[in-house]
Amino acid sequence: MSEIGSLITPKDAKFHRPAFAESTWAETNWFSFLIPEIPLRGHMWNMFRTNLGVARSNVFVFGGSSARGILGWEFARDDVHLTYEGNLDDYRLSNGLQVKMTKPLQEWRIRYDSGVDTHWELVAEALMPPVATQEIRCEGSGPGYTVFHRTDAGAPLEIGHIDQTFNMTGKVTVNGRSYDVDFPSAHDHSWSPRREFGHNVMGNFDDAHFGRELTISVQTRNDRPDQGIVTNGYVLDGRELVAVKHGRGRFRMHNYLTRAIDYELEDTRGKTWNLSGEVIAQVDSVSVNAYTTTSIVRWSLGGETGWGESKWHWDVQKMQAAIRERRFGWDLPG
């Protein structure tokens, strides 16, 4: 392994002491699964307001037959003001989600039971060590798209963000139909102040998996909706983990909906990656005043086919203003 991936320790898998004594302090914990052959994508996103003692948990599933709006998703449950006990290495929420780290930074067991006909048991096995935002920053790219990317490389981890690629295995049942899971997927964990209004989030969080042998993960800052500067990223190439040195993304869009994606990347070894993605399924949502389109993407790289996800974010108020002014040629959805 290369030198990145050495900054995070098992204690970082737990709650961090809030660096700010304010209500906006948040700690997030997100897991996901992907079944390419259907395709079907599941998210388990949890945000803990540790200064307030409450949590939010958003569990949803969408697939190739899903309509954009929430009424057409396969499954969705969003609970707020949940109380919680334990720590992020072993917790249960009253919405039916259980998360337990069984091997420090290497293996997790995740169970979910909606109480009706949607439930699953998954094992997340790490394909790489977790990496901190500071370790995968692209030099000279400017600030990231959100606050937890805006730390100095030499600063202590008072605020931070962890990314990690897992292979997810197990069985999921969605609306009474059962599926086997055995494919890589992304996990992240952040801790920082997180405002619910005026946060100025504008960027992408995208990952592409070509089996267990190759993962490319990038985060961008989008100064305009159809172009992104890669600010953070890594390539897991076999057992070699390297940072992205620099890159750009282009998003072919209809109004504000992404249809296809192209990335030109160079990693710190000097190897280049020309990655193209076709959106196969897409849903849109609003969460804490960020408009997000989440897409299952079929990726192409040198004739090889991979699968993964694209998450395109934009501050709602800035997006509304851009639409009113037709700043980027956007229009309201038909």
C-alpha atoms as a PDB file:
ATOM      1  CA  MET A   1       0.000   0.000   0.000  1.00  0.00           C
ATOM      2  CA  SER A   2       1.064   3.617  -0.520  1.00  0.00           C
ATOM      3  CA  GLU A   3       1.440   6.101   2.304  1.00  0.00           C
ATOM      4  CA  ILE A   4      -2.111   7.458   2.188  1.00  0.00           C
ATOM      5  CA  GLY A   5      -4.557   5.706   4.460  1.00  0.00           C
ATOM      6  CA  SER A   6      -2.371   6.022   7.559  1.00  0.00           C
ATOM      7  CA  LEU A   7      -3.972   9.052   9.198  1.00  0.00           C
ATOM      8  CA  ILE A   8      -7.239   7.491  10.420  1.00  0.00           C
ATOM      9  CA  THR A   9      -7.228   5.337  13.568  1.00  0.00           C
ATOM     10  CA  PRO A  10      -9.995   3.161  15.089  1.00  0.00           C
ATOM     11  CA  LYS A  11     -10.986   5.985  17.451  1.00  0.00           C
ATOM     12  CA  ASP A  12     -12.005   8.022  14.378  1.00  0.00           C
ATOM     13  CA  ALA A  13     -14.734   5.460  13.700  1.00  0.00           C
ATOM     14  CA  LYS A  14     -16.434   6.786  16.843  1.00  0.00           C
ATOM     15  CA  PHE A  15     -17.974  10.128  17.726  1.00  0.00           C
ATOM     16  CA  HIS A  16     -15.540  13.036  17.809  1.00  0.00           C
ATOM     17  CA  ARG A  17     -15.544  15.698  20.462  1.00  0.00           C
ATOM     18  CA  PRO A  18     -17.432  18.643  18.917  1.00  0.00           C
ATOM     19  CA  ALA A  19     -15.018  21.418  18.005  1.00  0.00           C
ATOM     20  CA  PHE A  20     -17.845  23.958  18.286  1.00  0.00           C
ATOM     21  CA  ALA A  21     -20.448  24.179  21.062  1.00  0.00           C
ATOM     22  CA  GLU A  22     -23.347  24.920  18.750  1.00  0.00           C
ATOM     23  CA  SER A  23     -26.453  23.165  17.482  1.00  0.00           C
ATOM     24  CA  THR A  24     -25.178  22.865  13.903  1.00  0.00           C
ATOM     25  CA  TRP A  25     -22.424  20.421  14.859  1.00  0.00           C
ATOM     26  CA  ALA A  26     -23.060  17.153  12.990  1.00  0.00           C
ATOM     27  CA  GLU A  27     -21.487  13.742  12.657  1.00  0.00           C
ATOM     28  CA  THR A  28     -22.573  11.602   9.722  1.00  0.00           C
ATOM     29  CA  ASN A  29     -22.327   7.869   9.067  1.00  0.00           C
ATOM     30  CA  TRP A  30     -23.289   6.530   5.633  1.00  0.00           C
ATOM     31  CA  PHE A  31     -23.361   3.056   4.111  1.00  0.00           C
ATOM     32  CA  SER A  32     -24.653   1.909   0.737  1.00  0.00           C
ATOM     33  CA  PHE A  33     -25.132  -1.131  -1.470  1.00  0.00           C
ATOM     34  CA  LEU A  34     -25.378  -1.655  -5.213  1.00  0.00           C
ATOM     35  CA  ILE A  35     -26.717  -4.577  -7.267  1.00  0.00           C
ATOM     36  CA  PRO A  36     -25.648  -3.749 -10.857  1.00  0.00           C
ATOM     37  CA  GLU A  37     -27.513  -6.508 -12.661  1.00  0.00           C
ATOM     38  CA  ILE A  38     -30.958  -5.144 -11.692  1.00  0.00           C
ATOM     39  CA  PRO A  39     -29.795  -2.324 -11.073  1.00  0.00           C
ATOM     40  CA  LEU A  40     -30.733  -1.469  -7.476  1.00  0.00           C
ATOM     41  CA  ARG A  41     -29.129   1.030  -5.125  1.00  0.00           C
ATOM     42  CA  GLY A  42     -29.616   1.407  -1.365  1.00  0.00           C
ATOM     43  CA  HIS A  43     -28.561   4.175   1.021  1.00  0.00           C
ATOM     44  CA  MET A  44     -28.398   4.311   4.818  1.00  0.00           C
ATOM     45  CA  TRP A  45     -27.469   7.883   5.755  1.00  0.00           C
ATOM     46  CA  ASN A  46     -27.397   8.936   9.389  1.00  0.00           C
ATOM     47  CA  MET A  47     -26.667  12.361  10.847  1.00  0.00           C
ATOM     48  CA  PHE A  48     -26.113  12.809  14.572  1.00  0.00           C
ATOM     49  CA  ARG A  49     -26.492  16.229  16.188  1.00  0.00           C
ATOM     50  CA  THR A  50     -24.371  15.209  19.148  1.00  0.00           C
ATOM     51  CA  ASN A  51     -24.646  18.575  20.908  1.00  0.00           C
ATOM     52  CA  LEU A  52     -28.427  18.122  20.848  1.00  0.00           C
ATOM     53  CA  GLY A  53     -28.558  14.365  21.461  1.00  0.00           C
ATOM     54  CA  VAL A  54     -30.715  13.611  18.409  1.00  0.00           C
ATOM     55  CA  ALA A  55     -30.219  11.850  15.077  1.00  0.00           C
ATOM     56  CA  ARG A  56     -31.721  11.790  11.620  1.00  0.00           C
ATOM     57  CA  SER A  57     -31.760   8.574   9.589  1.00  0.00           C
ATOM     58  CA  ASN A  58     -32.610   8.449   5.885  1.00  0.00           C
ATOM     59  CA  VAL A  59     -32.943   4.957   4.378  1.00  0.00           C
ATOM     60  CA  PHE A  60     -33.936   4.648   0.732  1.00  0.00           C
ATOM     61  CA  VAL A  61     -33.708   2.334  -2.266  1.00  0.00           C
ATOM     62  CA  PHE A  62     -34.104   3.123  -5.952  1.00  0.00           C
ATOM     63  CA  GLY A  63     -33.504   1.230  -9.171  1.00  0.00           C
ATOM     64  CA  GLY A  64     -33.757   1.158 -12.923  1.00  0.00           C
ATOM     65  CA  SER A  65     -37.542   1.362 -12.834  1.00  0.00           C
ATOM     66  CA  SER A  66     -37.696   4.217 -10.317  1.00  0.00           C
ATOM     67  CA  ALA A  67     -39.305   7.518 -11.218  1.00  0.00           C
ATOM     68  CA  ARG A  68     -37.401  10.669 -10.272  1.00  0.00           C
ATOM     69  CA  GLY A  69     -39.739  11.828  -7.514  1.00  0.00           C
ATOM     70  CA  ILE A  70     -39.957  10.093  -4.162  1.00  0.00           C
ATOM     71  CA  LEU A  71     -43.337   8.483  -4.943  1.00  0.00           C
ATOM     72  CA  GLY A  72     -41.622   6.409  -7.628  1.00  0.00           C
ATOM     73  CA  TRP A  73     -38.713   5.174  -5.513  1.00  0.00           C
ATOM     74  CA  GLU A  74     -38.571   1.567  -4.445  1.00  0.00           C
ATOM     75  CA  PHE A  75     -38.472   2.456  -0.736  1.00  0.00           C
ATOM     76  CA  ALA A  76     -37.980   5.568   1.378  1.00  0.00           C
ATOM     77  CA  ARG A  77     -38.034   6.273   5.101  1.00  0.00           C
ATOM     78  CA  ASP A  78     -36.702   9.480   6.638  1.00  0.00           C
ATOM     79  CA  ASP A  79     -36.813   9.771  10.451  1.00  0.00           C
ATOM     80  CA  VAL A  80     -35.799  12.860  12.412  1.00  0.00           C
ATOM     81  CA  HIS A  81     -35.275  13.637  16.098  1.00  0.00           C
ATOM     82  CA  LEU A  82     -34.359  10.041  16.902  1.00  0.00           C
ATOM     83  CA  THR A  83     -32.714   9.416  20.224  1.00  0.00           C
ATOM     84  CA  TYR A  84     -29.697   7.114  20.203  1.00  0.00           C
ATOM     85  CA  GLU A  85     -27.415   5.150  22.479  1.00  0.00           C
ATOM     86  CA  GLY A  86     -23.927   3.798  22.002  1.00  0.00           C
ATOM     87  CA  ASN A  87     -21.269   5.042  19.630  1.00  0.00           C
ATOM     88  CA  LEU A  88     -20.705   4.922  15.883  1.00  0.00           C
ATOM     89  CA  ASP A  89     -18.888   1.595  16.144  1.00  0.00           C
ATOM     90  CA  ASP A  90     -22.034  -0.035  17.592  1.00  0.00           C
ATOM     91  CA  TYR A  91     -25.448   1.630  17.478  1.00  0.00           C
ATOM     92  CA  ARG A  92     -29.126   0.943  16.997  1.00  0.00           C
ATOM     93  CA  LEU A  93     -31.801   3.370  15.917  1.00  0.00           C
ATOM     94  CA  SER A  94     -35.530   3.061  16.497  1.00  0.00           C
ATOM     95  CA  ASN A  95     -36.183   3.056  12.718  1.00  0.00           C
ATOM     96  CA  GLY A  96     -34.813  -0.505  12.584  1.00  0.00           C
ATOM     97  CA  LEU A  97     -31.192   0.176  11.615  1.00  0.00           C
ATOM     98  CA  GLN A  98     -28.303  -1.531  13.423  1.00  0.00           C
ATOM     99  CA  VAL A  99     -24.621  -0.883  12.681  1.00  0.00           C
ATOM    100  CA  LYS A 100     -21.697  -2.677  14.351  1.00  0.00           C
ATOM    101  CA  MET A 101     -17.973  -2.536  13.579  1.00  0.00           C
ATOM    102  CA  THR A 102     -16.781  -6.138  14.028  1.00  0.00           C
ATOM    103  CA  LYS A 103     -13.126  -5.612  12.990  1.00  0.00           C
ATOM    104  CA  PRO A 104     -11.607  -2.181  13.579  1.00  0.00           C
ATOM    105  CA  LEU A 105     -11.792  -0.190  10.321  1.00  0.00           C
ATOM    106  CA  GLN A 106     -12.054  -3.451   8.342  1.00  0.00           C
ATOM    107  CA  GLU A 107     -15.491  -5.027   8.781  1.00  0.00           C
ATOM    108  CA  TRP A 108     -18.989  -3.866   9.661  1.00  0.00           C
ATOM    109  CA  ARG A 109     -22.312  -5.660   9.997  1.00  0.00           C
ATOM    110  CA  ILE A 110     -25.403  -3.710   9.014  1.00  0.00           C
ATOM    111  CA  ARG A 111     -28.967  -4.817   9.637  1.00  0.00           C
ATOM    112  CA  TYR A 112     -32.150  -3.048   8.721  1.00  0.00           C
ATOM    113  CA  ASP A 113     -35.782  -3.979   9.364  1.00  0.00           C
ATOM    114  CA  SER A 114     -38.488  -1.536   8.307  1.00  0.00           C
ATOM    115  CA  GLY A 115     -41.109  -3.511  10.221  1.00  0.00           C
ATOM    116  CA  VAL A 116     -42.879  -4.408   6.975  1.00  0.00           C
ATOM    117  CA  ASP A 117     -41.514  -6.114   3.865  1.00  0.00           C
ATOM    118  CA  THR A 118     -38.176  -4.315   3.423  1.00  0.00           C
ATOM    119  CA  HIS A 119     -35.154  -5.535   5.383  1.00  0.00           C
ATOM    120  CA  TRP A 120     -31.570  -6.683   4.941  1.00  0.00           C
ATOM    121  CA  GLU A 121     -28.434  -8.091   6.497  1.00  0.00           C
ATOM    122  CA  LEU A 122     -25.125  -6.946   5.024  1.00  0.00           C
ATOM    123  CA  VAL A 123     -21.439  -7.381   5.715  1.00  0.00           C
ATOM    124  CA  ALA A 124     -19.095  -4.564   4.677  1.00  0.00           C
ATOM    125  CA  GLU A 125     -15.519  -5.770   4.129  1.00  0.00           C
ATOM    126  CA  ALA A 126     -12.905  -3.085   3.566  1.00  0.00           C
ATOM    127  CA  LEU A 127     -10.994  -3.189   0.291  1.00  0.00           C
ATOM    128  CA  MET A 128      -8.724  -0.363   1.494  1.00  0.00           C
ATOM    129  CA  PRO A 129      -7.921   1.585   4.644  1.00  0.00           C
ATOM    130  CA  PRO A 130     -10.075   4.643   5.309  1.00  0.00           C
ATOM    131  CA  VAL A 131      -8.650   7.882   3.925  1.00  0.00           C
ATOM    132  CA  ALA A 132      -9.043  11.387   5.319  1.00  0.00           C
ATOM    133  CA  THR A 133      -9.905  14.362   3.149  1.00  0.00           C
ATOM    134  CA  GLN A 134      -6.456  15.818   3.822  1.00  0.00           C
ATOM    135  CA  GLU A 135      -4.795  12.742   2.299  1.00  0.00           C
ATOM    136  CA  ILE A 136      -6.653  12.847  -1.010  1.00  0.00           C
ATOM    137  CA  ARG A 137      -6.674  16.580  -1.691  1.00  0.00           C
ATOM    138  CA  CYS A 138      -5.700  17.718  -5.195  1.00  0.00           C
ATOM    139  CA  GLU A 139      -3.050  20.387  -4.758  1.00  0.00           C
ATOM    140  CA  GLY A 140      -4.031  23.758  -6.193  1.00  0.00           C
ATOM    141  CA  SER A 141      -7.670  22.787  -6.781  1.00  0.00           C
ATOM    142  CA  GLY A 142      -9.078  25.285  -4.301  1.00  0.00           C
ATOM    143  CA  PRO A 143     -11.734  24.663  -1.642  1.00  0.00           C
ATOM    144  CA  GLY A 144     -13.982  21.632  -1.683  1.00  0.00           C
ATOM    145  CA  TYR A 145     -17.723  21.782  -2.164  1.00  0.00           C
ATOM    146  CA  THR A 146     -18.537  21.727   1.531  1.00  0.00           C
ATOM    147  CA  VAL A 147     -17.096  22.662   4.896  1.00  0.00           C
ATOM    148  CA  PHE A 148     -15.497  19.333   5.790  1.00  0.00           C
ATOM    149  CA  HIS A 149     -13.235  19.592   2.722  1.00  0.00           C
ATOM    150  CA  ARG A 150     -11.840  22.948   3.779  1.00  0.00           C
ATOM    151  CA  THR A 151      -9.230  21.848   6.289  1.00  0.00           C
ATOM    152  CA  ASP A 152      -5.532  22.548   6.103  1.00  0.00           C
ATOM    153  CA  ALA A 153      -3.370  19.567   5.236  1.00  0.00           C
ATOM    154  CA  GLY A 154      -1.356  19.888   8.447  1.00  0.00           C
ATOM    155  CA  ALA A 155      -4.254  20.771  10.739  1.00  0.00           C
ATOM    156  CA  PRO A 156      -5.559  18.445  13.454  1.00  0.00           C
ATOM    157  CA  LEU A 157      -8.744  16.526  12.647  1.00  0.00           C
ATOM    158  CA  GLU A 158     -11.093  18.872  14.510  1.00  0.00           C
ATOM    159  CA  ILE A 159     -13.363  18.612  11.491  1.00  0.00           C
ATOM    160  CA  GLY A 160     -13.006  15.911   8.911  1.00  0.00           C
ATOM    161  CA  HIS A 161     -14.304  13.457   6.389  1.00  0.00           C
ATOM    162  CA  ILE A 162     -13.438   9.775   5.875  1.00  0.00           C
ATOM    163  CA  ASP A 163     -13.953   7.811   2.664  1.00  0.00           C
ATOM    164  CA  GLN A 164     -13.612   4.061   2.219  1.00  0.00           C
ATOM    165  CA  THR A 165     -14.495   1.448  -0.383  1.00  0.00           C
ATOM    166  CA  PHE A 166     -16.086  -1.769   0.885  1.00  0.00           C
ATOM    167  CA  ASN A 167     -17.210  -4.950  -0.756  1.00  0.00           C
ATOM    168  CA  MET A 168     -20.813  -5.361   0.385  1.00  0.00           C
ATOM    169  CA  THR A 169     -22.250  -8.871   0.654  1.00  0.00           C
ATOM    170  CA  GLY A 170     -25.506 -10.253   1.998  1.00  0.00           C
ATOM    171  CA  LYS A 171     -29.167 -10.357   1.136  1.00  0.00           C
ATOM    172  CA  VAL A 172     -31.690  -7.544   0.841  1.00  0.00           C
ATOM    173  CA  THR A 173     -35.464  -7.768   0.637  1.00  0.00           C
ATOM    174  CA  VAL A 174     -37.248  -4.757  -0.849  1.00  0.00           C
ATOM    175  CA  ASN A 175     -41.035  -4.715  -0.977  1.00  0.00           C
ATOM    176  CA  GLY A 176     -41.081  -8.470  -0.487  1.00  0.00           C
ATOM    177  CA  ARG A 177     -38.586  -9.281  -3.256  1.00  0.00           C
ATOM    178  CA  SER A 178     -35.194 -10.687  -2.224  1.00  0.00           C
ATOM    179  CA  TYR A 179     -31.826 -10.098  -3.892  1.00  0.00           C
ATOM    180  CA  ASP A 180     -28.241 -11.160  -3.269  1.00  0.00           C
ATOM    181  CA  VAL A 181     -25.622  -8.447  -2.812  1.00  0.00           C
ATOM    182  CA  ASP A 182     -21.958  -8.901  -3.742  1.00  0.00           C
ATOM    183  CA  PHE A 183     -20.406  -5.729  -5.157  1.00  0.00           C
ATOM    184  CA  PRO A 184     -18.186  -2.856  -4.006  1.00  0.00           C
ATOM    185  CA  SER A 185     -19.767   0.280  -2.637  1.00  0.00           C
ATOM    186  CA  ALA A 186     -18.829   3.481  -0.853  1.00  0.00           C
ATOM    187  CA  HIS A 187     -18.895   4.482   2.804  1.00  0.00           C
ATOM    188  CA  ASP A 188     -18.195   7.847   4.391  1.00  0.00           C
ATOM    189  CA  HIS A 189     -18.153   9.510   7.785  1.00  0.00           C
ATOM    190  CA  SER A 190     -17.845  13.233   8.494  1.00  0.00           C
ATOM    191  CA  TRP A 191     -17.769  15.548  11.490  1.00  0.00           C
ATOM    192  CA  SER A 192     -18.108  19.323  11.242  1.00  0.00           C
ATOM    193  CA  PRO A 193     -20.594  22.142  11.647  1.00  0.00           C
ATOM    194  CA  ARG A 194     -23.371  21.588   9.117  1.00  0.00           C
ATOM    195  CA  ARG A 195     -25.823  24.398   8.616  1.00  0.00           C
ATOM    196  CA  GLU A 196     -29.294  23.703   7.290  1.00  0.00           C
ATOM    197  CA  PHE A 197     -29.530  26.971   5.340  1.00  0.00           C
ATOM    198  CA  GLY A 198     -27.002  28.958   3.352  1.00  0.00           C
ATOM    199  CA  HIS A 199     -24.378  26.219   3.287  1.00  0.00           C
ATOM    200  CA  ASN A 200     -23.329  26.909  -0.313  1.00  0.00           C
ATOM    201  CA  VAL A 201     -22.914  23.233  -1.276  1.00  0.00           C
ATOM    202  CA  MET A 202     -22.130  22.905  -4.987  1.00  0.00           C
ATOM    203  CA  GLY A 203     -20.386  19.787  -6.217  1.00  0.00           C
ATOM    204  CA  ASN A 204     -20.283  16.089  -7.041  1.00  0.00           C
ATOM    205  CA  PHE A 205     -19.425  12.954  -5.074  1.00  0.00           C
ATOM    206  CA  ASP A 206     -18.912  10.152  -7.628  1.00  0.00           C
ATOM    207  CA  ASP A 207     -17.526   6.636  -7.566  1.00  0.00           C
ATOM    208  CA  ALA A 208     -16.891   3.947 -10.174  1.00  0.00           C
ATOM    209  CA  HIS A 209     -16.180   0.282  -9.406  1.00  0.00           C
ATOM    210  CA  PHE A 210     -14.747  -2.187 -11.910  1.00  0.00           C
ATOM    211  CA  GLY A 211     -15.182  -5.283  -9.779  1.00  0.00           C
ATOM    212  CA  ARG A 212     -12.986  -5.510  -6.700  1.00  0.00           C
ATOM    213  CA  GLU A 213      -9.841  -4.687  -8.649  1.00  0.00           C
ATOM    214  CA  LEU A 214     -10.390  -1.020  -9.476  1.00  0.00           C
ATOM    215  CA  THR A 215     -12.280   1.820  -7.812  1.00  0.00           C
ATOM    216  CA  ILE A 216     -12.098   5.488  -8.777  1.00  0.00           C
ATOM    217  CA  SER A 217     -13.649   7.949  -6.333  1.00  0.00           C
ATOM    218  CA  VAL A 218     -13.761  11.720  -6.882  1.00  0.00           C
ATOM    219  CA  GLN A 219     -15.277  14.790  -5.280  1.00  0.00           C
ATOM    220  CA  THR A 220     -15.681  18.018  -7.212  1.00  0.00           C
ATOM    221  CA  ARG A 221     -16.459  21.671  -6.714  1.00  0.00           C
ATOM    222  CA  ASN A 222     -18.831  22.857  -9.431  1.00  0.00           C
ATOM    223  CA  ASP A 223     -18.428  26.560 -10.138  1.00  0.00           C
ATOM    224  CA  ARG A 224     -21.060  26.035 -12.820  1.00  0.00           C
ATOM    225  CA  PRO A 225     -23.525  23.130 -12.941  1.00  0.00           C
ATOM    226  CA  ASP A 226     -22.084  21.277 -15.938  1.00  0.00           C
ATOM    227  CA  GLN A 227     -18.384  21.425 -14.977  1.00  0.00           C
ATOM    228  CA  GLY A 228     -16.479  20.291 -11.914  1.00  0.00           C
ATOM    229  CA  ILE A 229     -12.939  20.732 -10.636  1.00  0.00           C
ATOM    230  CA  VAL A 230     -11.779  17.582  -8.836  1.00  0.00           C
ATOM    231  CA  THR A 231     -10.714  18.651  -5.350  1.00  0.00           C
ATOM    232  CA  ASN A 232     -10.339  15.232  -3.707  1.00  0.00           C
ATOM    233  CA  GLY A 233     -10.077  11.702  -5.009  1.00  0.00           C
ATOM    234  CA  TYR A 234      -8.384   8.330  -4.935  1.00  0.00           C
ATOM    235  CA  VAL A 235      -7.742   5.331  -7.152  1.00  0.00           C
ATOM    236  CA  LEU A 236      -7.739   1.825  -5.680  1.00  0.00           C
ATOM    237  CA  ASP A 237      -5.822  -0.057  -8.365  1.00  0.00           C
ATOM    238  CA  GLY A 238      -5.553  -3.670  -7.264  1.00  0.00           C
ATOM    239  CA  ARG A 239      -3.953  -3.356  -3.839  1.00  0.00           C
ATOM    240  CA  GLU A 240      -2.327  -0.016  -4.596  1.00  0.00           C
ATOM    241  CA  LEU A 241      -4.087   3.035  -3.173  1.00  0.00           C
ATOM    242  CA  VAL A 242      -3.082   6.381  -4.682  1.00  0.00           C
ATOM    243  CA  ALA A 243      -4.474   9.885  -4.581  1.00  0.00           C
ATOM    244  CA  VAL A 244      -5.795  11.758  -7.589  1.00  0.00           C
ATOM    245  CA  LYS A 245      -3.391  14.560  -8.499  1.00  0.00           C
ATOM    246  CA  HIS A 246      -5.793  16.653 -10.549  1.00  0.00           C
ATOM    247  CA  GLY A 247      -8.845  16.270 -12.751  1.00  0.00           C
ATOM    248  CA  ARG A 248     -11.920  17.794 -14.308  1.00  0.00           C
ATOM    249  CA  GLY A 249     -15.449  16.577 -14.788  1.00  0.00           C
ATOM    250  CA  ARG A 250     -17.994  17.494 -17.426  1.00  0.00           C
ATOM    251  CA  PHE A 251     -21.667  16.753 -16.912  1.00  0.00           C
ATOM    252  CA  ARG A 252     -23.960  16.565 -19.916  1.00  0.00           C
ATOM    253  CA  MET A 253     -27.247  17.863 -18.594  1.00  0.00           C
ATOM    254  CA  HIS A 254     -30.832  18.449 -19.641  1.00  0.00           C
ATOM    255  CA  ASN A 255     -31.859  21.496 -17.645  1.00  0.00           C
ATOM    256  CA  TYR A 256     -30.383  20.493 -14.279  1.00  0.00           C
ATOM    257  CA  LEU A 257     -30.540  16.692 -14.683  1.00  0.00           C
ATOM    258  CA  THR A 258     -27.304  14.843 -15.418  1.00  0.00           C
ATOM    259  CA  ARG A 259     -27.471  12.476 -18.385  1.00  0.00           C
ATOM    260  CA  ALA A 260     -23.798  11.570 -18.877  1.00  0.00           C
ATOM    261  CA  ILE A 261     -20.459  12.262 -17.226  1.00  0.00           C
ATOM    262  CA  ASP A 262     -16.854  12.507 -18.418  1.00  0.00           C
ATOM    263  CA  TYR A 263     -13.792  12.678 -16.183  1.00  0.00           C
ATOM    264  CA  GLU A 264     -10.191  13.344 -17.148  1.00  0.00           C
ATOM    265  CA  LEU A 265      -7.962  12.400 -14.208  1.00  0.00           C
ATOM    266  CA  GLU A 266      -4.302  11.963 -13.383  1.00  0.00           C
ATOM    267  CA  ASP A 267      -3.178  10.163 -10.239  1.00  0.00           C
ATOM    268  CA  THR A 268      -0.029  10.860  -8.242  1.00  0.00           C
ATOM    269  CA  ARG A 269       1.862   8.134 -10.150  1.00  0.00           C
ATOM    270  CA  GLY A 270       1.286  10.052 -13.373  1.00  0.00           C
ATOM    271  CA  LYS A 271      -1.252   7.527 -14.692  1.00  0.00           C
ATOM    272  CA  THR A 272      -4.209   9.042 -16.564  1.00  0.00           C
ATOM    273  CA  TRP A 273      -7.821   7.894 -16.443  1.00  0.00           C
ATOM    274  CA  ASN A 274     -10.478   8.885 -18.988  1.00  0.00           C
ATOM    275  CA  LEU A 275     -13.725   7.808 -17.393  1.00  0.00           C
ATOM    276  CA  SER A 276     -17.165   8.129 -18.996  1.00  0.00           C
ATOM    277  CA  GLY A 277     -20.508   7.408 -17.366  1.00  0.00           C
ATOM    278  CA  GLU A 278     -24.071   6.907 -18.573  1.00  0.00           C
ATOM    279  CA  VAL A 279     -26.900   7.607 -16.133  1.00  0.00           C
ATOM    280  CA  ILE A 280     -29.103   4.506 -15.926  1.00  0.00           C
ATOM    281  CA  ALA A 281     -31.428   5.554 -13.088  1.00  0.00           C
ATOM    282  CA  GLN A 282     -31.841   8.849 -11.289  1.00  0.00           C
ATOM    283  CA  VAL A 283     -33.798  10.266  -8.363  1.00  0.00           C
ATOM    284  CA  ASP A 284     -33.898  13.791  -6.994  1.00  0.00           C
ATOM    285  CA  SER A 285     -34.375  15.050  -3.468  1.00  0.00           C
ATOM    286  CA  VAL A 286     -33.956  18.028  -1.174  1.00  0.00           C
ATOM    287  CA  SER A 287     -32.108  17.588   2.110  1.00  0.00           C
ATOM    288  CA  VAL A 288     -31.233  20.459   4.457  1.00  0.00           C
ATOM    289  CA  ASN A 289     -31.616  22.951   1.613  1.00  0.00           C
ATOM    290  CA  ALA A 290     -29.377  21.093  -0.828  1.00  0.00           C
ATOM    291  CA  TYR A 291     -30.922  19.861  -4.065  1.00  0.00           C
ATOM    292  CA  THR A 292     -29.417  16.490  -4.983  1.00  0.00           C
ATOM    293  CA  THR A 293     -29.719  14.172  -7.949  1.00  0.00           C
ATOM    294  CA  THR A 294     -28.527  10.663  -7.128  1.00  0.00           C
ATOM    295  CA  SER A 295     -27.801   8.423 -10.110  1.00  0.00           C
ATOM    296  CA  ILE A 296     -26.850   4.836 -10.776  1.00  0.00           C
ATOM    297  CA  VAL A 297     -24.121   5.130 -13.401  1.00  0.00           C
ATOM    298  CA  ARG A 298     -22.753   2.613 -15.868  1.00  0.00           C
ATOM    299  CA  TRP A 299     -19.114   3.603 -16.308  1.00  0.00           C
ATOM    300  CA  SER A 300     -16.779   2.944 -19.228  1.00  0.00           C
ATOM    301  CA  LEU A 301     -12.989   2.926 -19.017  1.00  0.00           C
ATOM    302  CA  GLY A 302     -10.810   1.692 -21.859  1.00  0.00           C
ATOM    303  CA  GLY A 303     -13.467  -0.732 -23.072  1.00  0.00           C
ATOM    304  CA  GLU A 304     -14.217  -2.056 -19.583  1.00  0.00           C
ATOM    305  CA  THR A 305     -17.637  -1.618 -17.953  1.00  0.00           C
ATOM    306  CA  GLY A 306     -18.073  -0.655 -14.334  1.00  0.00           C
ATOM    307  CA  TRP A 307     -20.900   0.494 -12.062  1.00  0.00           C
ATOM    308  CA  GLY A 308     -21.259   3.099  -9.400  1.00  0.00           C
ATOM    309  CA  GLU A 309     -23.021   6.271  -8.444  1.00  0.00           C
ATOM    310  CA  SER A 310     -23.043  10.015  -9.018  1.00  0.00           C
ATOM    311  CA  LYS A 311     -24.381  12.516  -6.480  1.00  0.00           C
ATOM    312  CA  TRP A 312     -24.763  16.057  -7.840  1.00  0.00           C
ATOM    313  CA  HIS A 313     -25.457  18.725  -5.188  1.00  0.00           C
ATOM    314  CA  TRP A 314     -26.443  22.370  -5.434  1.00  0.00           C
ATOM    315  CA  ASP A 315     -27.547  24.911  -2.836  1.00  0.00           C
ATOM    316  CA  VAL A 316     -31.330  25.292  -3.256  1.00  0.00           C
ATOM    317  CA  GLN A 317     -31.444  29.074  -2.922  1.00  0.00           C
ATOM    318  CA  LYS A 318     -28.584  29.562  -5.403  1.00  0.00           C
ATOM    319  CA  MET A 319     -30.241  27.119  -7.772  1.00  0.00           C
ATOM    320  CA  GLN A 320     -33.573  28.939  -7.552  1.00  0.00           C
ATOM    321  CA  ALA A 321     -31.826  32.214  -8.348  1.00  0.00           C
ATOM    322  CA  ALA A 322     -30.008  30.659 -11.317  1.00  0.00           C
ATOM    323  CA  ILE A 323     -33.287  29.331 -12.698  1.00  0.00           C
ATOM    324  CA  ARG A 324     -35.053  32.705 -12.261  1.00  0.00           C
ATOM    325  CA  GLU A 325     -32.232  34.442 -14.090  1.00  0.00           C
ATOM    326  CA  ARG A 326     -31.748  31.618 -16.628  1.00  0.00           C
ATOM    327  CA  ARG A 327     -28.062  31.993 -15.769  1.00  0.00           C
ATOM    328  CA  PHE A 328     -27.008  28.644 -17.205  1.00  0.00           C
ATOM    329  CA  GLY A 329     -29.932  28.147 -19.582  1.00  0.00           C
ATOM    330  CA  TRP A 330     -31.808  26.203 -16.927  1.00  0.00           C
ATOM    331  CA  ASP A 331     -35.579  26.042 -16.896  1.00  0.00           C
ATOM    332  CA  LEU A 332     -38.131  24.616 -14.507  1.00  0.00           C
ATOM    333  CA  PRO A 333     -38.800  20.882 -14.973  1.00  0.00           C
ATOM    334  CA  GLY A 334     -41.564  19.922 -17.355  1.00  0.00           C
END
